[in-house]
N, C-alpha and C. Protein backbone atom coordinates (compact mmCIF):
# COMPACT_ATOMS: atom_id res chain seq x y z
N MET A 1 2.99 43.70 6.60
CA MET A 1 1.54 43.54 6.85
C MET A 1 1.30 42.24 7.62
N LEU A 2 0.56 42.32 8.75
CA LEU A 2 0.39 41.17 9.62
C LEU A 2 -0.54 40.13 9.00
N ILE A 3 -1.70 40.57 8.50
CA ILE A 3 -2.68 39.63 7.95
C ILE A 3 -2.43 39.47 6.45
N GLN A 4 -2.08 38.27 6.06
CA GLN A 4 -1.82 37.97 4.66
C GLN A 4 -2.12 36.51 4.43
N ASN A 5 -1.98 36.08 3.20
CA ASN A 5 -2.27 34.69 2.89
C ASN A 5 -1.29 33.76 3.59
N ARG A 6 -1.79 32.56 3.90
CA ARG A 6 -0.96 31.57 4.58
C ARG A 6 0.16 31.10 3.67
N VAL A 7 1.35 30.96 4.26
CA VAL A 7 2.49 30.42 3.54
C VAL A 7 2.89 29.11 4.20
N PRO A 8 3.64 28.25 3.50
CA PRO A 8 4.03 26.97 4.08
C PRO A 8 4.89 27.15 5.34
N THR A 9 4.72 26.23 6.28
CA THR A 9 5.57 26.20 7.47
C THR A 9 6.80 25.34 7.17
N LEU A 10 7.72 25.30 8.13
CA LEU A 10 8.91 24.46 7.95
C LEU A 10 8.54 23.00 7.75
N SER A 11 7.56 22.52 8.51
CA SER A 11 7.17 21.11 8.36
C SER A 11 6.58 20.86 6.98
N ASP A 12 5.86 21.84 6.43
CA ASP A 12 5.31 21.70 5.08
C ASP A 12 6.43 21.63 4.05
N ALA A 13 7.47 22.46 4.26
CA ALA A 13 8.57 22.52 3.31
C ALA A 13 9.45 21.28 3.39
N LEU A 14 9.66 20.77 4.61
CA LEU A 14 10.55 19.63 4.79
C LEU A 14 9.85 18.30 4.52
N ILE A 15 8.54 18.24 4.82
CA ILE A 15 7.77 17.02 4.59
C ILE A 15 6.53 17.41 3.79
N PRO A 16 6.67 17.63 2.49
CA PRO A 16 5.57 18.16 1.68
C PRO A 16 4.38 17.22 1.52
N LYS A 17 4.59 15.94 1.71
CA LYS A 17 3.49 15.00 1.56
C LYS A 17 2.45 15.23 2.65
N THR A 18 1.22 15.49 2.26
CA THR A 18 0.17 15.78 3.23
C THR A 18 -0.59 14.51 3.61
N GLY A 19 -1.30 14.60 4.71
CA GLY A 19 -2.11 13.47 5.14
C GLY A 19 -2.24 13.42 6.65
N VAL A 20 -3.26 12.69 7.11
CA VAL A 20 -3.53 12.60 8.54
C VAL A 20 -2.38 11.90 9.27
N ILE A 21 -1.84 10.85 8.66
CA ILE A 21 -0.76 10.10 9.32
C ILE A 21 0.44 11.00 9.56
N ARG A 22 0.80 11.78 8.55
CA ARG A 22 1.92 12.71 8.72
C ARG A 22 1.65 13.69 9.86
N ASP A 23 0.45 14.23 9.89
CA ASP A 23 0.11 15.20 10.93
C ASP A 23 0.17 14.58 12.32
N ILE A 24 -0.31 13.34 12.45
CA ILE A 24 -0.27 12.66 13.75
C ILE A 24 1.17 12.46 14.20
N TYR A 25 2.03 12.01 13.28
CA TYR A 25 3.44 11.83 13.62
C TYR A 25 4.06 13.14 14.07
N LEU A 26 3.77 14.22 13.37
CA LEU A 26 4.34 15.52 13.73
C LEU A 26 3.82 15.99 15.08
N ILE A 27 2.53 15.87 15.30
CA ILE A 27 1.92 16.33 16.55
C ILE A 27 2.49 15.56 17.74
N VAL A 28 2.50 14.24 17.64
CA VAL A 28 3.01 13.43 18.75
C VAL A 28 4.53 13.59 18.89
N GLY A 29 5.22 13.64 17.76
CA GLY A 29 6.68 13.78 17.80
C GLY A 29 7.12 15.05 18.48
N PHE A 30 6.46 16.15 18.20
CA PHE A 30 6.85 17.41 18.83
C PHE A 30 6.39 17.48 20.28
N ALA A 31 5.33 16.77 20.64
CA ALA A 31 4.95 16.67 22.05
C ALA A 31 6.05 15.94 22.83
N ILE A 32 6.61 14.91 22.23
CA ILE A 32 7.74 14.19 22.84
C ILE A 32 8.96 15.10 22.92
N PHE A 33 9.18 15.89 21.88
CA PHE A 33 10.30 16.84 21.85
C PHE A 33 10.21 17.82 23.03
N VAL A 34 9.02 18.35 23.28
CA VAL A 34 8.83 19.27 24.40
C VAL A 34 9.02 18.53 25.73
N THR A 35 8.56 17.28 25.79
CA THR A 35 8.76 16.48 27.00
C THR A 35 10.23 16.33 27.33
N LEU A 36 11.04 16.01 26.33
CA LEU A 36 12.48 15.85 26.55
C LEU A 36 13.12 17.17 26.95
N ALA A 37 12.71 18.26 26.30
CA ALA A 37 13.27 19.57 26.64
C ALA A 37 12.91 19.96 28.07
N ALA A 38 11.75 19.51 28.53
CA ALA A 38 11.31 19.84 29.89
C ALA A 38 12.16 19.18 30.96
N GLN A 39 12.89 18.14 30.58
CA GLN A 39 13.73 17.44 31.56
C GLN A 39 15.12 18.05 31.69
N VAL A 40 15.45 18.99 30.81
CA VAL A 40 16.76 19.65 30.85
C VAL A 40 16.62 20.91 31.69
N SER A 41 17.04 20.85 32.94
CA SER A 41 16.86 21.97 33.85
C SER A 41 18.21 22.52 34.29
N PHE A 42 18.20 23.76 34.74
CA PHE A 42 19.43 24.41 35.20
C PHE A 42 19.07 25.51 36.17
N GLU A 43 20.07 25.96 36.92
CA GLU A 43 19.91 27.02 37.90
C GLU A 43 20.57 28.30 37.40
N PRO A 44 20.00 29.46 37.72
CA PRO A 44 20.66 30.72 37.34
C PRO A 44 22.01 30.83 38.04
N PRO A 45 23.02 31.41 37.39
CA PRO A 45 24.33 31.59 38.04
C PRO A 45 24.23 32.55 39.22
N SER A 46 25.19 32.48 40.13
CA SER A 46 25.14 33.29 41.35
C SER A 46 25.15 34.78 41.05
N TRP A 47 25.88 35.18 39.98
CA TRP A 47 25.95 36.60 39.65
C TRP A 47 24.59 37.15 39.23
N TYR A 48 23.76 36.27 38.68
CA TYR A 48 22.44 36.69 38.23
C TYR A 48 21.57 37.08 39.43
N ASP A 49 21.61 36.24 40.47
CA ASP A 49 20.86 36.56 41.68
C ASP A 49 21.38 37.86 42.31
N LYS A 50 22.70 38.03 42.33
CA LYS A 50 23.29 39.22 42.93
C LYS A 50 22.90 40.48 42.16
N PHE A 51 22.84 40.36 40.83
CA PHE A 51 22.47 41.52 40.01
C PHE A 51 21.07 41.99 40.34
N PHE A 52 20.12 41.06 40.39
CA PHE A 52 18.74 41.46 40.68
C PHE A 52 18.60 41.97 42.11
N ALA A 53 19.36 41.40 43.03
CA ALA A 53 19.33 41.89 44.41
C ALA A 53 19.86 43.32 44.48
N SER A 54 20.86 43.64 43.64
CA SER A 54 21.46 44.97 43.67
C SER A 54 20.51 46.05 43.17
N ILE A 55 19.51 45.66 42.37
CA ILE A 55 18.55 46.65 41.86
C ILE A 55 17.21 46.55 42.59
N GLY A 56 17.24 45.88 43.74
CA GLY A 56 16.05 45.81 44.58
C GLY A 56 15.04 44.77 44.19
N LEU A 57 15.47 43.76 43.41
CA LEU A 57 14.57 42.69 42.98
C LEU A 57 15.18 41.34 43.35
N PRO A 58 15.21 41.02 44.65
CA PRO A 58 15.85 39.78 45.06
C PRO A 58 15.13 38.55 44.54
N ILE A 59 15.92 37.54 44.17
CA ILE A 59 15.37 36.27 43.70
C ILE A 59 15.55 35.24 44.82
N ASP A 60 14.44 34.78 45.35
CA ASP A 60 14.48 33.84 46.47
C ASP A 60 14.06 32.46 46.00
N GLY A 61 14.87 31.90 45.06
CA GLY A 61 14.50 30.61 44.51
C GLY A 61 13.27 30.73 43.63
N THR A 62 12.78 29.59 43.14
CA THR A 62 11.56 29.59 42.33
C THR A 62 10.91 28.21 42.37
N PRO A 63 9.58 28.15 42.53
CA PRO A 63 8.88 26.88 42.46
C PRO A 63 8.63 26.42 41.03
N VAL A 64 9.01 27.25 40.06
CA VAL A 64 8.83 26.93 38.64
C VAL A 64 10.17 26.48 38.06
N PRO A 65 10.27 25.26 37.55
CA PRO A 65 11.55 24.78 37.02
C PRO A 65 12.04 25.61 35.83
N ILE A 66 13.35 25.83 35.78
CA ILE A 66 13.96 26.53 34.65
C ILE A 66 14.48 25.47 33.68
N THR A 67 13.87 25.37 32.51
CA THR A 67 14.19 24.31 31.56
C THR A 67 14.28 24.87 30.14
N LEU A 68 14.47 23.95 29.18
CA LEU A 68 14.48 24.32 27.76
C LEU A 68 13.08 24.23 27.14
N GLN A 69 12.08 24.10 28.00
CA GLN A 69 10.71 23.88 27.53
C GLN A 69 10.21 24.99 26.61
N THR A 70 10.40 26.24 27.02
CA THR A 70 9.83 27.34 26.23
C THR A 70 10.49 27.43 24.86
N LEU A 71 11.78 27.08 24.77
CA LEU A 71 12.44 27.04 23.47
C LEU A 71 11.78 25.98 22.59
N ALA A 72 11.52 24.81 23.17
CA ALA A 72 10.88 23.72 22.41
C ALA A 72 9.47 24.10 21.99
N VAL A 73 8.74 24.80 22.85
CA VAL A 73 7.38 25.24 22.51
C VAL A 73 7.41 26.20 21.33
N ALA A 74 8.35 27.14 21.36
CA ALA A 74 8.47 28.11 20.27
C ALA A 74 8.80 27.42 18.95
N ILE A 75 9.74 26.49 18.99
CA ILE A 75 10.12 25.76 17.78
C ILE A 75 8.96 24.91 17.28
N THR A 76 8.21 24.33 18.20
CA THR A 76 7.05 23.52 17.83
C THR A 76 6.02 24.35 17.08
N GLY A 77 5.64 25.48 17.66
CA GLY A 77 4.65 26.33 17.00
C GLY A 77 5.13 26.83 15.66
N ALA A 78 6.40 27.26 15.61
CA ALA A 78 6.94 27.80 14.36
C ALA A 78 7.06 26.74 13.28
N THR A 79 7.41 25.53 13.66
CA THR A 79 7.63 24.46 12.68
C THR A 79 6.33 23.86 12.18
N LEU A 80 5.39 23.65 13.09
CA LEU A 80 4.15 22.96 12.73
C LEU A 80 3.06 23.90 12.24
N GLY A 81 3.11 25.17 12.64
CA GLY A 81 2.02 26.07 12.32
C GLY A 81 0.99 26.09 13.44
N SER A 82 -0.04 26.88 13.27
CA SER A 82 -0.99 27.12 14.36
C SER A 82 -1.78 25.88 14.77
N LYS A 83 -2.41 25.20 13.83
CA LYS A 83 -3.30 24.09 14.19
C LYS A 83 -2.52 22.89 14.71
N ARG A 84 -1.51 22.45 13.97
CA ARG A 84 -0.74 21.30 14.44
C ARG A 84 0.03 21.65 15.72
N GLY A 85 0.49 22.89 15.81
CA GLY A 85 1.21 23.32 17.00
C GLY A 85 0.34 23.27 18.24
N VAL A 86 -0.88 23.80 18.14
CA VAL A 86 -1.76 23.81 19.31
C VAL A 86 -2.20 22.39 19.66
N PHE A 87 -2.41 21.54 18.66
CA PHE A 87 -2.76 20.14 18.94
C PHE A 87 -1.60 19.43 19.64
N SER A 88 -0.38 19.69 19.20
CA SER A 88 0.78 19.06 19.82
C SER A 88 0.90 19.46 21.28
N MET A 89 0.73 20.74 21.58
CA MET A 89 0.82 21.20 22.96
C MET A 89 -0.38 20.74 23.79
N ALA A 90 -1.53 20.57 23.14
CA ALA A 90 -2.69 20.03 23.85
C ALA A 90 -2.45 18.57 24.22
N VAL A 91 -1.80 17.82 23.32
CA VAL A 91 -1.43 16.43 23.63
C VAL A 91 -0.47 16.40 24.81
N TYR A 92 0.51 17.30 24.78
CA TYR A 92 1.49 17.37 25.86
C TYR A 92 0.81 17.70 27.19
N MET A 93 -0.05 18.70 27.19
CA MET A 93 -0.74 19.10 28.41
C MET A 93 -1.63 17.98 28.93
N THR A 94 -2.38 17.34 28.04
CA THR A 94 -3.29 16.27 28.44
C THR A 94 -2.53 15.07 28.99
N ALA A 95 -1.39 14.76 28.38
CA ALA A 95 -0.58 13.63 28.86
C ALA A 95 -0.17 13.85 30.31
N GLY A 96 0.20 15.08 30.65
CA GLY A 96 0.58 15.37 32.02
C GLY A 96 -0.60 15.33 32.97
N ILE A 97 -1.75 15.80 32.51
CA ILE A 97 -2.95 15.81 33.36
C ILE A 97 -3.37 14.40 33.73
N VAL A 98 -3.30 13.47 32.77
CA VAL A 98 -3.74 12.09 33.04
C VAL A 98 -2.70 11.28 33.79
N GLY A 99 -1.53 11.87 34.02
CA GLY A 99 -0.57 11.19 34.88
C GLY A 99 0.74 10.77 34.26
N LEU A 100 0.93 10.99 32.97
CA LEU A 100 2.20 10.63 32.35
C LEU A 100 3.28 11.62 32.78
N PRO A 101 4.50 11.16 33.02
CA PRO A 101 5.57 12.03 33.53
C PRO A 101 6.22 12.86 32.42
N VAL A 102 5.48 13.84 31.91
CA VAL A 102 5.99 14.63 30.78
C VAL A 102 6.42 16.03 31.18
N TYR A 103 5.96 16.50 32.34
CA TYR A 103 6.27 17.87 32.72
C TYR A 103 7.69 17.98 33.28
N ALA A 104 8.11 19.20 33.54
CA ALA A 104 9.50 19.47 33.95
C ALA A 104 9.88 18.66 35.18
N GLY A 105 10.98 17.91 35.05
CA GLY A 105 11.51 17.14 36.16
C GLY A 105 10.78 15.86 36.47
N ALA A 106 9.70 15.56 35.75
CA ALA A 106 8.87 14.41 36.10
C ALA A 106 9.58 13.09 35.86
N ILE A 107 10.31 12.99 34.75
CA ILE A 107 10.97 11.72 34.43
C ILE A 107 12.00 11.37 35.49
N SER A 108 12.78 12.37 35.94
CA SER A 108 13.79 12.11 36.96
C SER A 108 13.13 11.66 38.26
N GLN A 109 11.94 12.21 38.56
CA GLN A 109 11.23 11.79 39.77
C GLN A 109 10.77 10.34 39.65
N VAL A 110 10.24 9.98 38.49
CA VAL A 110 9.76 8.62 38.29
C VAL A 110 10.90 7.61 38.35
N LEU A 111 12.07 8.00 37.81
CA LEU A 111 13.22 7.10 37.79
C LEU A 111 13.98 7.08 39.10
N SER A 112 13.62 7.94 40.03
CA SER A 112 14.31 7.99 41.32
C SER A 112 14.08 6.69 42.08
N PRO A 113 15.12 6.15 42.75
CA PRO A 113 14.93 4.91 43.52
C PRO A 113 13.99 5.10 44.71
N ASP A 114 13.75 6.36 45.10
CA ASP A 114 12.86 6.62 46.23
C ASP A 114 11.41 6.81 45.79
N MET A 115 11.17 6.72 44.48
CA MET A 115 9.83 6.97 43.96
C MET A 115 8.94 5.76 44.21
N ALA A 116 7.80 6.00 44.83
CA ALA A 116 6.83 4.94 45.04
C ALA A 116 5.79 5.03 43.92
N PHE A 117 5.74 4.02 43.08
CA PHE A 117 4.83 4.06 41.95
C PHE A 117 3.38 3.85 42.41
N GLY A 118 2.48 4.45 41.69
CA GLY A 118 1.07 4.37 42.01
C GLY A 118 0.41 5.72 41.82
N PHE A 119 -0.83 5.71 41.47
CA PHE A 119 -1.53 6.96 41.20
C PHE A 119 -1.86 7.68 42.51
N THR A 120 -1.58 8.98 42.53
CA THR A 120 -1.91 9.84 43.66
C THR A 120 -2.60 11.07 43.10
N ASN A 121 -3.87 11.23 43.41
CA ASN A 121 -4.63 12.36 42.87
C ASN A 121 -4.55 12.43 41.35
N GLY A 122 -4.55 11.28 40.71
CA GLY A 122 -4.58 11.25 39.25
C GLY A 122 -3.24 11.32 38.58
N SER A 123 -2.15 11.26 39.33
CA SER A 123 -0.82 11.35 38.72
C SER A 123 0.10 10.30 39.32
N VAL A 124 1.01 9.76 38.49
CA VAL A 124 1.96 8.78 39.00
C VAL A 124 3.18 9.44 39.62
N TRP A 125 3.29 10.76 39.53
CA TRP A 125 4.52 11.40 40.01
C TRP A 125 4.29 12.64 40.85
N SER A 126 3.08 13.08 41.01
CA SER A 126 2.80 14.27 41.80
C SER A 126 1.74 13.97 42.86
N ASP A 127 1.88 14.60 44.03
CA ASP A 127 0.90 14.38 45.09
C ASP A 127 -0.20 15.44 45.08
N LYS A 128 -0.28 16.24 44.00
CA LYS A 128 -1.29 17.28 43.89
C LYS A 128 -2.03 17.15 42.56
N PRO A 129 -3.32 17.50 42.53
CA PRO A 129 -4.03 17.55 41.25
C PRO A 129 -3.48 18.68 40.40
N PHE A 130 -3.67 18.60 39.09
CA PHE A 130 -3.02 19.55 38.18
C PHE A 130 -3.40 20.99 38.45
N TRP A 131 -4.64 21.24 38.88
CA TRP A 131 -5.04 22.63 39.09
C TRP A 131 -4.36 23.26 40.32
N ALA A 132 -3.69 22.43 41.12
CA ALA A 132 -2.96 22.95 42.29
C ALA A 132 -1.47 23.07 42.03
N TRP A 133 -1.05 22.80 40.79
CA TRP A 133 0.37 22.95 40.45
C TRP A 133 0.64 24.42 40.17
N GLY A 134 1.63 24.98 40.84
CA GLY A 134 1.94 26.39 40.65
C GLY A 134 2.34 26.73 39.23
N SER A 135 2.93 25.78 38.52
CA SER A 135 3.43 26.06 37.17
C SER A 135 2.45 25.70 36.07
N PHE A 136 1.24 25.24 36.42
CA PHE A 136 0.33 24.77 35.37
C PHE A 136 -0.14 25.91 34.47
N GLY A 137 -0.20 27.13 34.99
CA GLY A 137 -0.59 28.26 34.15
C GLY A 137 0.36 28.46 32.98
N TYR A 138 1.64 28.17 33.22
CA TYR A 138 2.62 28.27 32.13
C TYR A 138 2.32 27.23 31.05
N ILE A 139 1.88 26.05 31.47
CA ILE A 139 1.58 24.99 30.50
C ILE A 139 0.37 25.38 29.65
N ILE A 140 -0.62 26.01 30.27
CA ILE A 140 -1.74 26.55 29.49
C ILE A 140 -1.21 27.57 28.49
N GLY A 141 -0.26 28.39 28.95
CA GLY A 141 0.36 29.38 28.07
C GLY A 141 1.08 28.74 26.90
N PHE A 142 1.66 27.55 27.11
CA PHE A 142 2.34 26.85 26.01
C PHE A 142 1.37 26.58 24.87
N VAL A 143 0.16 26.15 25.22
CA VAL A 143 -0.84 25.82 24.20
C VAL A 143 -1.20 27.06 23.38
N ILE A 144 -1.47 28.15 24.08
CA ILE A 144 -1.87 29.39 23.39
C ILE A 144 -0.70 29.96 22.60
N ALA A 145 0.48 29.97 23.21
CA ALA A 145 1.66 30.54 22.54
C ALA A 145 2.01 29.76 21.27
N SER A 146 1.88 28.44 21.31
CA SER A 146 2.20 27.65 20.13
C SER A 146 1.27 28.00 18.97
N TYR A 147 0.00 28.28 19.30
CA TYR A 147 -0.94 28.67 18.24
C TYR A 147 -0.56 30.02 17.65
N VAL A 148 -0.28 31.00 18.52
CA VAL A 148 0.02 32.35 18.05
C VAL A 148 1.33 32.37 17.26
N ILE A 149 2.36 31.72 17.78
CA ILE A 149 3.63 31.65 17.04
C ILE A 149 3.42 30.95 15.70
N GLY A 150 2.65 29.86 15.72
CA GLY A 150 2.37 29.15 14.47
C GLY A 150 1.61 30.01 13.48
N TRP A 151 0.65 30.78 13.99
CA TRP A 151 -0.13 31.66 13.11
C TRP A 151 0.77 32.71 12.47
N LEU A 152 1.69 33.25 13.25
CA LEU A 152 2.61 34.26 12.71
C LEU A 152 3.56 33.66 11.68
N THR A 153 4.05 32.45 11.95
CA THR A 153 4.97 31.84 10.98
C THR A 153 4.24 31.42 9.71
N GLU A 154 2.94 31.18 9.81
CA GLU A 154 2.15 30.92 8.61
C GLU A 154 1.99 32.18 7.77
N ARG A 155 2.39 33.31 8.32
CA ARG A 155 2.43 34.58 7.57
C ARG A 155 3.86 34.99 7.27
N GLY A 156 4.79 34.04 7.40
CA GLY A 156 6.17 34.29 7.01
C GLY A 156 7.04 34.94 8.07
N TRP A 157 6.61 34.92 9.32
CA TRP A 157 7.35 35.62 10.37
C TRP A 157 8.55 34.84 10.88
N ASP A 158 8.82 33.68 10.35
CA ASP A 158 10.03 32.94 10.75
C ASP A 158 11.08 32.95 9.65
N ARG A 159 10.90 33.79 8.65
CA ARG A 159 11.84 33.82 7.52
C ARG A 159 12.99 34.80 7.75
N THR A 160 12.77 35.83 8.57
CA THR A 160 13.81 36.83 8.83
C THR A 160 14.06 36.92 10.33
N ILE A 161 15.25 37.36 10.69
CA ILE A 161 15.62 37.43 12.10
C ILE A 161 14.74 38.40 12.89
N PRO A 162 14.49 39.63 12.41
CA PRO A 162 13.67 40.56 13.21
C PRO A 162 12.26 40.04 13.48
N LYS A 163 11.59 39.54 12.44
CA LYS A 163 10.22 39.06 12.64
C LYS A 163 10.19 37.79 13.49
N THR A 164 11.19 36.93 13.33
CA THR A 164 11.25 35.73 14.17
C THR A 164 11.38 36.12 15.63
N ALA A 165 12.26 37.08 15.91
CA ALA A 165 12.46 37.53 17.29
C ALA A 165 11.16 38.08 17.88
N ILE A 166 10.42 38.85 17.08
CA ILE A 166 9.16 39.42 17.56
C ILE A 166 8.14 38.32 17.83
N ALA A 167 8.06 37.34 16.93
CA ALA A 167 7.10 36.24 17.10
C ALA A 167 7.40 35.45 18.37
N ILE A 168 8.67 35.14 18.60
CA ILE A 168 9.05 34.39 19.80
C ILE A 168 8.80 35.22 21.05
N PHE A 169 9.08 36.52 20.97
CA PHE A 169 8.85 37.40 22.11
C PHE A 169 7.36 37.46 22.46
N ILE A 170 6.51 37.55 21.45
CA ILE A 170 5.06 37.56 21.69
C ILE A 170 4.64 36.25 22.36
N GLY A 171 5.18 35.13 21.88
CA GLY A 171 4.87 33.85 22.50
C GLY A 171 5.29 33.80 23.96
N SER A 172 6.46 34.35 24.27
CA SER A 172 6.94 34.38 25.65
C SER A 172 6.02 35.22 26.53
N LEU A 173 5.58 36.36 26.01
CA LEU A 173 4.65 37.21 26.76
C LEU A 173 3.36 36.46 27.09
N ILE A 174 2.85 35.71 26.13
CA ILE A 174 1.62 34.95 26.35
C ILE A 174 1.81 33.93 27.46
N ILE A 175 2.96 33.25 27.45
CA ILE A 175 3.24 32.24 28.49
C ILE A 175 3.24 32.89 29.87
N TYR A 176 3.87 34.04 29.99
CA TYR A 176 3.91 34.72 31.29
C TYR A 176 2.54 35.28 31.67
N MET A 177 1.79 35.76 30.71
CA MET A 177 0.45 36.29 31.00
C MET A 177 -0.47 35.20 31.55
N CYS A 178 -0.24 33.97 31.15
CA CYS A 178 -1.01 32.84 31.68
C CYS A 178 -0.39 32.31 32.97
N GLY A 179 0.93 32.24 33.01
CA GLY A 179 1.62 31.59 34.12
C GLY A 179 1.66 32.38 35.40
N LEU A 180 1.91 33.69 35.31
CA LEU A 180 2.09 34.49 36.52
C LEU A 180 0.82 34.61 37.36
N PRO A 181 -0.34 34.96 36.76
CA PRO A 181 -1.56 35.02 37.59
C PRO A 181 -1.90 33.68 38.24
N TRP A 182 -1.72 32.59 37.48
CA TRP A 182 -2.00 31.26 38.03
C TRP A 182 -1.09 30.98 39.22
N LEU A 183 0.19 31.29 39.08
CA LEU A 183 1.15 31.07 40.15
C LEU A 183 0.76 31.86 41.40
N MET A 184 0.36 33.10 41.21
CA MET A 184 -0.01 33.96 42.34
C MET A 184 -1.23 33.42 43.07
N VAL A 185 -2.24 33.00 42.33
CA VAL A 185 -3.48 32.52 42.94
C VAL A 185 -3.26 31.18 43.65
N VAL A 186 -2.59 30.25 42.98
CA VAL A 186 -2.40 28.92 43.55
C VAL A 186 -1.55 28.97 44.82
N LEU A 187 -0.49 29.76 44.80
CA LEU A 187 0.40 29.83 45.95
C LEU A 187 -0.05 30.85 46.98
N GLY A 188 -0.99 31.71 46.60
CA GLY A 188 -1.50 32.70 47.53
C GLY A 188 -0.46 33.70 47.99
N VAL A 189 0.34 34.18 47.05
CA VAL A 189 1.41 35.13 47.39
C VAL A 189 1.14 36.48 46.72
N SER A 190 1.93 37.48 47.11
CA SER A 190 1.78 38.81 46.54
C SER A 190 2.29 38.85 45.11
N TRP A 191 1.94 39.94 44.40
CA TRP A 191 2.40 40.10 43.02
C TRP A 191 3.91 40.23 42.96
N SER A 192 4.51 40.95 43.91
CA SER A 192 5.97 41.10 43.91
C SER A 192 6.66 39.77 44.14
N GLN A 193 6.10 38.94 45.03
CA GLN A 193 6.67 37.61 45.26
C GLN A 193 6.48 36.73 44.03
N THR A 194 5.35 36.89 43.36
CA THR A 194 5.10 36.13 42.13
C THR A 194 6.15 36.45 41.08
N LEU A 195 6.47 37.72 40.91
CA LEU A 195 7.49 38.12 39.94
C LEU A 195 8.86 37.59 40.35
N SER A 196 9.13 37.59 41.65
CA SER A 196 10.41 37.09 42.15
C SER A 196 10.58 35.60 41.88
N TRP A 197 9.47 34.86 41.95
CA TRP A 197 9.52 33.43 41.70
C TRP A 197 9.29 33.06 40.24
N GLY A 198 8.42 33.82 39.57
CA GLY A 198 7.94 33.37 38.26
C GLY A 198 8.41 34.15 37.06
N LEU A 199 9.17 35.26 37.27
CA LEU A 199 9.62 36.05 36.12
C LEU A 199 11.11 36.35 36.16
N TRP A 200 11.56 37.01 37.23
CA TRP A 200 12.96 37.45 37.26
C TRP A 200 13.96 36.31 37.04
N PRO A 201 13.78 35.10 37.60
CA PRO A 201 14.78 34.05 37.38
C PRO A 201 14.89 33.59 35.92
N PHE A 202 13.89 33.94 35.10
CA PHE A 202 13.81 33.38 33.75
C PHE A 202 14.26 34.34 32.65
N ILE A 203 14.47 35.61 33.00
CA ILE A 203 14.71 36.61 31.96
C ILE A 203 15.96 36.30 31.14
N ALA A 204 17.07 36.01 31.81
CA ALA A 204 18.32 35.74 31.08
C ALA A 204 18.18 34.50 30.22
N GLY A 205 17.61 33.43 30.79
CA GLY A 205 17.44 32.20 30.03
C GLY A 205 16.51 32.36 28.86
N ASP A 206 15.42 33.10 29.06
CA ASP A 206 14.47 33.32 27.97
C ASP A 206 15.08 34.17 26.86
N THR A 207 15.92 35.12 27.26
CA THR A 207 16.61 35.93 26.25
C THR A 207 17.54 35.06 25.41
N LEU A 208 18.27 34.18 26.09
CA LEU A 208 19.17 33.27 25.37
C LEU A 208 18.38 32.34 24.46
N LYS A 209 17.27 31.80 24.95
CA LYS A 209 16.45 30.90 24.14
C LYS A 209 15.83 31.63 22.95
N LEU A 210 15.47 32.89 23.16
CA LEU A 210 14.95 33.69 22.04
C LEU A 210 16.01 33.84 20.96
N LEU A 211 17.25 34.11 21.38
CA LEU A 211 18.34 34.25 20.41
C LEU A 211 18.60 32.95 19.67
N ILE A 212 18.52 31.83 20.41
CA ILE A 212 18.74 30.52 19.77
C ILE A 212 17.66 30.25 18.73
N ALA A 213 16.39 30.44 19.12
CA ALA A 213 15.29 30.21 18.17
C ALA A 213 15.37 31.15 16.99
N THR A 214 15.78 32.40 17.26
CA THR A 214 15.91 33.39 16.18
C THR A 214 17.01 33.00 15.21
N GLY A 215 18.00 32.27 15.70
CA GLY A 215 19.05 31.78 14.81
C GLY A 215 18.65 30.52 14.06
N ILE A 216 17.93 29.63 14.74
CA ILE A 216 17.58 28.34 14.15
C ILE A 216 16.58 28.48 13.01
N LEU A 217 15.50 29.21 13.24
CA LEU A 217 14.40 29.21 12.27
C LEU A 217 14.75 29.85 10.93
N PRO A 218 15.28 31.09 10.90
CA PRO A 218 15.68 31.64 9.59
C PRO A 218 16.79 30.82 8.92
N SER A 219 17.68 30.23 9.74
CA SER A 219 18.74 29.39 9.17
C SER A 219 18.16 28.15 8.51
N ALA A 220 17.14 27.58 9.14
CA ALA A 220 16.48 26.41 8.56
C ALA A 220 15.84 26.76 7.22
N TRP A 221 15.23 27.94 7.14
CA TRP A 221 14.64 28.36 5.87
C TRP A 221 15.71 28.63 4.82
N PHE A 222 16.86 29.13 5.24
CA PHE A 222 17.97 29.34 4.31
C PHE A 222 18.41 28.01 3.70
N ILE A 223 18.48 26.97 4.56
CA ILE A 223 18.86 25.64 4.08
C ILE A 223 17.81 25.09 3.13
N VAL A 224 16.53 25.31 3.46
CA VAL A 224 15.44 24.85 2.59
C VAL A 224 15.54 25.49 1.21
N ARG A 225 15.82 26.79 1.19
CA ARG A 225 15.93 27.50 -0.10
C ARG A 225 17.11 26.99 -0.91
N ILE A 226 18.22 26.70 -0.24
CA ILE A 226 19.38 26.15 -0.95
C ILE A 226 19.06 24.78 -1.53
N ARG A 227 18.36 23.97 -0.72
CA ARG A 227 18.01 22.62 -1.16
C ARG A 227 17.11 22.65 -2.38
N ASP A 228 16.17 23.62 -2.38
CA ASP A 228 15.24 23.72 -3.51
C ASP A 228 15.88 24.37 -4.72
């Protein structure tokens, strides 16, 4: 049954002491966690591009960085729950909007010897305002997905592997539902080109991240039960 009474989240079980200070530490701490995950980027292997080309879906690079961000977002929502999760992702999103280098690849740009420091259109590391970033729709999706994943885990959906997988999958769908239309509008490209840039390159990585999260969350609850 989907709608049921709220159950404790992982953060409630691991840090049972309640209070505003605890919540602030968790919210900010997980925003930093997502920031660090956003800096870990990688490229799809050559066979991956060839596979999609063989089925008529060529991948011609992507303006959206491939990182561990979505894994961190899923873990954030599942660990903190809906309210703290959405606040954490809102902090992360706002930090990037006001110019802090928290988004994918931003820290490496700031640390580059060729980087000229100074605000440009409201950011210390980008020459475009946030609404003109092709990937910003995905960041909006992070906020919504963290709430939904958190809401599901507050109903016990992170206790078993099947339900955890479904919760993470729903979160991923939300991210794409926000990210793909934004990417298409901002870049002014066709829907097929949007999928080539904003979906196909990420399927294998997202599947792997889903499996990782599906392993981490129920395992964490198993450890909590043993400890108790």
